[in-house]
N, C-alpha and C. Protein backbone atom coordinates (compact mmCIF):
# COMPACT_ATOMS: atom_id res chain seq x y z
N UNK A 1 0.85 -1.18 0.00
CA UNK A 1 0.00 0.00 0.00
C UNK A 1 0.89 1.24 0.00
N UNK A 2 0.65 2.16 -0.92
CA UNK A 2 1.50 3.34 -1.01
C UNK A 2 1.06 4.41 0.00
N UNK A 3 2.01 5.19 0.37
CA UNK A 3 1.82 6.27 1.33
C UNK A 3 1.29 7.49 0.58
N UNK A 4 0.34 8.19 1.18
CA UNK A 4 -0.17 9.42 0.57
C UNK A 4 0.15 10.60 1.47
N UNK A 5 0.25 11.76 0.84
CA UNK A 5 0.49 13.01 1.56
C UNK A 5 -0.44 14.07 1.00
N UNK A 6 -0.68 15.09 1.78
CA UNK A 6 -1.38 16.28 1.29
C UNK A 6 -0.29 17.15 0.68
N UNK A 7 -0.17 17.11 -0.64
CA UNK A 7 0.94 17.76 -1.33
C UNK A 7 0.79 19.28 -1.32
N UNK A 8 1.82 19.97 -0.83
CA UNK A 8 1.79 21.43 -0.79
C UNK A 8 1.92 22.04 -2.18
N UNK A 9 2.49 21.29 -3.11
CA UNK A 9 2.63 21.82 -4.48
C UNK A 9 1.36 21.61 -5.29
N UNK A 10 0.80 20.42 -5.24
CA UNK A 10 -0.40 20.12 -6.02
C UNK A 10 -1.69 20.57 -5.33
N UNK A 11 -1.60 20.83 -4.04
CA UNK A 11 -2.76 21.25 -3.24
C UNK A 11 -3.84 20.17 -3.21
N UNK A 12 -3.37 18.90 -3.18
CA UNK A 12 -4.31 17.78 -3.09
C UNK A 12 -3.57 16.58 -2.51
N UNK A 13 -4.34 15.58 -2.10
CA UNK A 13 -3.73 14.35 -1.61
C UNK A 13 -3.24 13.53 -2.79
N UNK A 14 -2.01 13.03 -2.66
CA UNK A 14 -1.41 12.26 -3.76
C UNK A 14 -0.38 11.29 -3.18
N UNK A 15 0.09 10.38 -4.03
CA UNK A 15 1.07 9.39 -3.61
C UNK A 15 2.35 10.08 -3.15
N UNK A 16 2.82 9.66 -1.97
CA UNK A 16 4.02 10.25 -1.40
C UNK A 16 5.30 9.66 -1.95
N UNK A 17 6.40 10.29 -1.60
CA UNK A 17 7.72 9.79 -1.99
C UNK A 17 8.05 8.55 -1.20
N UNK A 18 8.91 7.71 -1.74
CA UNK A 18 9.31 6.48 -1.05
C UNK A 18 10.40 6.73 -0.02
N UNK A 19 11.17 7.80 -0.19
CA UNK A 19 12.25 8.17 0.74
C UNK A 19 12.47 9.67 0.63
N UNK A 20 13.12 10.24 1.63
CA UNK A 20 13.45 11.66 1.59
C UNK A 20 14.37 11.91 0.40
N UNK A 21 14.02 12.86 -0.48
CA UNK A 21 14.81 13.07 -1.68
C UNK A 21 15.99 14.02 -1.49
N UNK A 22 16.12 14.57 -0.30
CA UNK A 22 17.15 15.57 -0.02
C UNK A 22 17.55 15.41 1.44
N UNK A 23 18.80 15.66 1.78
CA UNK A 23 19.22 15.47 3.17
C UNK A 23 18.71 16.56 4.11
N UNK A 24 18.78 16.28 5.38
CA UNK A 24 18.51 17.27 6.41
C UNK A 24 17.04 17.56 6.64
N UNK A 25 16.82 18.67 7.34
CA UNK A 25 15.47 19.08 7.72
C UNK A 25 14.61 19.39 6.49
N UNK A 26 15.19 20.02 5.47
CA UNK A 26 14.43 20.32 4.26
C UNK A 26 13.96 19.02 3.60
N UNK A 27 14.82 18.03 3.55
CA UNK A 27 14.45 16.73 2.99
C UNK A 27 13.30 16.09 3.74
N UNK A 28 13.31 16.22 5.08
CA UNK A 28 12.22 15.66 5.89
C UNK A 28 10.91 16.40 5.61
N UNK A 29 10.98 17.73 5.50
CA UNK A 29 9.76 18.51 5.19
C UNK A 29 9.20 18.12 3.83
N UNK A 30 10.11 17.93 2.87
CA UNK A 30 9.66 17.53 1.53
C UNK A 30 9.02 16.15 1.59
N UNK A 31 9.67 15.21 2.25
CA UNK A 31 9.13 13.85 2.38
C UNK A 31 7.74 13.86 3.01
N UNK A 32 7.54 14.69 4.02
CA UNK A 32 6.27 14.74 4.74
C UNK A 32 5.17 15.50 4.00
N UNK A 33 5.54 16.41 3.08
CA UNK A 33 4.56 17.34 2.52
C UNK A 33 4.50 17.42 0.99
N UNK A 34 5.32 16.65 0.30
CA UNK A 34 5.36 16.74 -1.16
C UNK A 34 5.12 15.35 -1.75
N UNK A 35 4.29 15.30 -2.77
CA UNK A 35 4.01 14.03 -3.44
C UNK A 35 5.10 13.70 -4.46
N UNK A 36 5.07 12.48 -4.94
CA UNK A 36 6.02 12.06 -5.98
C UNK A 36 5.83 12.92 -7.23
N UNK A 37 4.59 13.23 -7.56
CA UNK A 37 4.30 14.08 -8.73
C UNK A 37 4.81 15.51 -8.50
N UNK A 38 4.64 16.03 -7.29
CA UNK A 38 5.16 17.35 -6.96
C UNK A 38 6.67 17.40 -7.04
N UNK A 39 7.34 16.33 -6.58
CA UNK A 39 8.80 16.26 -6.66
C UNK A 39 9.25 16.23 -8.11
N UNK A 40 8.52 15.50 -8.95
CA UNK A 40 8.85 15.43 -10.37
C UNK A 40 8.75 16.83 -11.01
N UNK A 41 7.76 17.60 -10.60
CA UNK A 41 7.62 18.97 -11.10
C UNK A 41 8.83 19.81 -10.71
N UNK A 42 9.31 19.63 -9.46
CA UNK A 42 10.51 20.36 -9.02
C UNK A 42 11.72 19.95 -9.86
N UNK A 43 11.90 18.67 -10.11
CA UNK A 43 13.06 18.22 -10.88
C UNK A 43 13.08 18.85 -12.27
N UNK A 44 11.91 18.99 -12.88
CA UNK A 44 11.82 19.64 -14.18
C UNK A 44 12.19 21.12 -14.06
N UNK A 45 11.67 21.78 -13.04
CA UNK A 45 11.96 23.20 -12.83
C UNK A 45 13.45 23.39 -12.52
N UNK A 46 13.99 22.51 -11.70
CA UNK A 46 15.41 22.59 -11.33
C UNK A 46 16.30 22.43 -12.58
N UNK A 47 15.95 21.50 -13.45
CA UNK A 47 16.71 21.30 -14.68
C UNK A 47 16.71 22.57 -15.52
N UNK A 48 15.55 23.22 -15.62
CA UNK A 48 15.45 24.47 -16.36
C UNK A 48 16.35 25.53 -15.72
N UNK A 49 16.34 25.63 -14.38
CA UNK A 49 17.18 26.61 -13.70
C UNK A 49 18.66 26.34 -13.95
N UNK A 50 19.06 25.08 -13.88
CA UNK A 50 20.46 24.71 -14.11
C UNK A 50 20.87 25.07 -15.53
N UNK A 51 20.05 24.72 -16.50
CA UNK A 51 20.38 24.99 -17.90
C UNK A 51 20.39 26.47 -18.22
N UNK A 52 19.36 27.18 -17.81
CA UNK A 52 19.25 28.60 -18.13
C UNK A 52 20.33 29.44 -17.46
N UNK A 53 20.71 29.05 -16.25
CA UNK A 53 21.75 29.80 -15.52
C UNK A 53 23.14 29.24 -15.75
N UNK A 54 23.22 28.15 -16.52
CA UNK A 54 24.50 27.50 -16.84
C UNK A 54 25.28 27.16 -15.57
N UNK A 55 24.57 26.55 -14.62
CA UNK A 55 25.17 26.17 -13.35
C UNK A 55 26.02 24.92 -13.49
N UNK A 56 27.03 24.85 -12.66
CA UNK A 56 27.82 23.63 -12.51
C UNK A 56 27.38 22.97 -11.21
N UNK A 57 27.20 21.66 -11.25
CA UNK A 57 26.80 20.92 -10.04
C UNK A 57 27.89 20.97 -8.98
N UNK A 58 29.10 21.32 -9.36
CA UNK A 58 30.22 21.37 -8.41
C UNK A 58 30.33 22.72 -7.71
N UNK A 59 29.60 23.72 -8.18
CA UNK A 59 29.68 25.07 -7.62
C UNK A 59 28.81 25.18 -6.37
N UNK A 60 29.45 25.43 -5.20
CA UNK A 60 28.67 25.55 -3.95
C UNK A 60 27.62 26.67 -4.00
N UNK A 61 27.91 27.77 -4.70
CA UNK A 61 26.94 28.86 -4.81
C UNK A 61 25.71 28.41 -5.60
N UNK A 62 25.93 27.63 -6.63
CA UNK A 62 24.81 27.11 -7.42
C UNK A 62 23.96 26.17 -6.58
N UNK A 63 24.60 25.30 -5.80
CA UNK A 63 23.86 24.37 -4.95
C UNK A 63 23.04 25.13 -3.90
N UNK A 64 23.64 26.18 -3.32
CA UNK A 64 22.91 26.99 -2.33
C UNK A 64 21.71 27.69 -2.97
N UNK A 65 21.92 28.21 -4.18
CA UNK A 65 20.83 28.87 -4.90
C UNK A 65 19.70 27.88 -5.16
N UNK A 66 20.04 26.68 -5.64
CA UNK A 66 19.02 25.68 -5.96
C UNK A 66 18.27 25.22 -4.71
N UNK A 67 18.98 25.10 -3.59
CA UNK A 67 18.31 24.72 -2.35
C UNK A 67 17.31 25.79 -1.92
N UNK A 68 17.72 27.06 -2.03
CA UNK A 68 16.81 28.16 -1.68
C UNK A 68 15.60 28.18 -2.61
N UNK A 69 15.83 27.94 -3.91
CA UNK A 69 14.73 27.90 -4.86
C UNK A 69 13.79 26.72 -4.59
N UNK A 70 14.36 25.58 -4.17
CA UNK A 70 13.55 24.41 -3.83
C UNK A 70 12.63 24.74 -2.66
N UNK A 71 13.17 25.40 -1.66
CA UNK A 71 12.36 25.76 -0.50
C UNK A 71 11.24 26.72 -0.92
N UNK A 72 11.56 27.71 -1.76
CA UNK A 72 10.53 28.64 -2.25
C UNK A 72 9.50 27.92 -3.11
N UNK A 73 9.95 26.98 -3.95
CA UNK A 73 9.06 26.23 -4.84
C UNK A 73 7.98 25.50 -4.06
N UNK A 74 8.38 24.88 -2.95
CA UNK A 74 7.43 24.08 -2.17
C UNK A 74 6.78 24.84 -1.02
N UNK A 75 7.52 25.66 -0.32
CA UNK A 75 7.04 26.22 0.94
C UNK A 75 6.97 27.75 0.96
N UNK A 76 7.28 28.38 -0.15
CA UNK A 76 7.24 29.84 -0.23
C UNK A 76 6.29 30.30 -1.31
N UNK A 77 6.67 31.38 -1.95
CA UNK A 77 5.83 31.97 -2.99
C UNK A 77 6.08 31.37 -4.37
N UNK A 78 6.88 30.33 -4.45
CA UNK A 78 7.20 29.71 -5.73
C UNK A 78 8.54 30.18 -6.25
N UNK A 79 9.12 29.41 -7.11
CA UNK A 79 10.41 29.72 -7.70
C UNK A 79 10.18 30.34 -9.07
N UNK A 80 10.79 31.49 -9.30
CA UNK A 80 10.60 32.19 -10.57
C UNK A 80 11.49 31.60 -11.66
N UNK A 81 11.05 31.76 -12.88
CA UNK A 81 11.88 31.40 -14.02
C UNK A 81 12.92 32.51 -14.22
N UNK A 82 14.07 32.20 -14.77
CA UNK A 82 15.08 33.24 -15.02
C UNK A 82 14.54 34.33 -15.94
N UNK A 83 15.04 35.54 -15.77
CA UNK A 83 14.62 36.67 -16.59
C UNK A 83 14.91 36.36 -18.06
N UNK A 84 13.93 36.60 -18.91
CA UNK A 84 14.08 36.36 -20.34
C UNK A 84 13.81 34.92 -20.76
N UNK A 85 13.43 34.05 -19.82
CA UNK A 85 13.18 32.66 -20.16
C UNK A 85 11.95 32.55 -21.06
N UNK A 86 12.09 31.78 -22.14
CA UNK A 86 10.98 31.51 -23.05
C UNK A 86 10.76 30.01 -23.06
N UNK A 87 9.57 29.59 -22.66
CA UNK A 87 9.22 28.18 -22.59
C UNK A 87 9.26 27.54 -23.97
N UNK A 88 9.79 26.31 -24.08
CA UNK A 88 9.82 25.65 -25.38
C UNK A 88 8.45 25.20 -25.86
N UNK A 89 7.44 25.17 -25.00
CA UNK A 89 6.09 24.76 -25.43
C UNK A 89 5.44 25.80 -26.26
C-alpha cells in the first residue's frame, strides 16, 4: 500500500515519496509534505534553472541557490523562471 500526503505543491492528496529526496530538515519537510508528482515537477523546474543559468553541479553557490529555490518552490511563494526565459512549449 502506497503512502499518501497532502501535497503542498499540487494542493491535493497524492502518492508520497518512497524516501526523503534531499538530506537534512528540508528533505524531511519535503518527504512529509510533497508528493512524488510534486517532486517530479521540481526536478523539471530545477533542470530548467540549471540549464538557463549555466550552473555547474560542483559550484557551492549554485547548490545553495538551488536549495533556496527548492524551499521557495514548495514552501514559499514559488520559484521564478530566469529573466528572459521563453518556454519551449
